[in-house]
């Protein structure tokens, strides 16, 4: 794996985590 691929995957992970967090946060805030 090249550096670029690793960075790209990390980026995807961060974006996914953010979306997941945005989806779950409002539910727990009630």
Protein backbone atom coordinates (compact mmCIF):
# COMPACT_ATOMS: atom_id res chain seq x y z
CA UNK A 1 0.00 0.00 0.00
CA UNK A 2 1.25 3.44 -0.88
CA UNK A 3 1.15 6.44 1.41
CA UNK A 4 -1.58 7.93 -0.74
CA UNK A 5 -3.86 4.93 -0.32
CA UNK A 6 -3.42 4.96 3.45
CA UNK A 7 -4.19 8.66 3.65
CA UNK A 8 -7.21 8.20 1.43
CA UNK A 9 -8.57 5.38 3.60
CA UNK A 10 -7.96 7.40 6.74
CA UNK A 11 -9.84 10.28 5.22
CA UNK A 12 -12.78 8.05 4.40
CA UNK A 13 -12.77 6.77 7.95
CA UNK A 14 -12.86 10.27 9.37
CA UNK A 15 -15.71 11.30 7.08
CA UNK A 16 -17.63 8.15 7.95
CA UNK A 17 -17.11 8.72 11.67
CA UNK A 18 -18.31 12.30 11.32
CA UNK A 19 -21.49 11.25 9.52
CA UNK A 20 -22.09 8.53 12.07
CA UNK A 21 -21.56 10.98 14.91
CA UNK A 22 -23.91 13.55 13.35
CA UNK A 23 -26.58 10.86 12.99
CA UNK A 24 -26.30 9.56 16.56
CA UNK A 25 -25.72 12.79 18.49
CA UNK A 26 -29.22 14.28 18.09
CA UNK A 27 -30.82 11.01 19.19
CA UNK A 28 -28.90 11.01 22.47
CA UNK A 29 -29.47 14.72 23.11
CA UNK A 30 -33.19 14.30 23.78
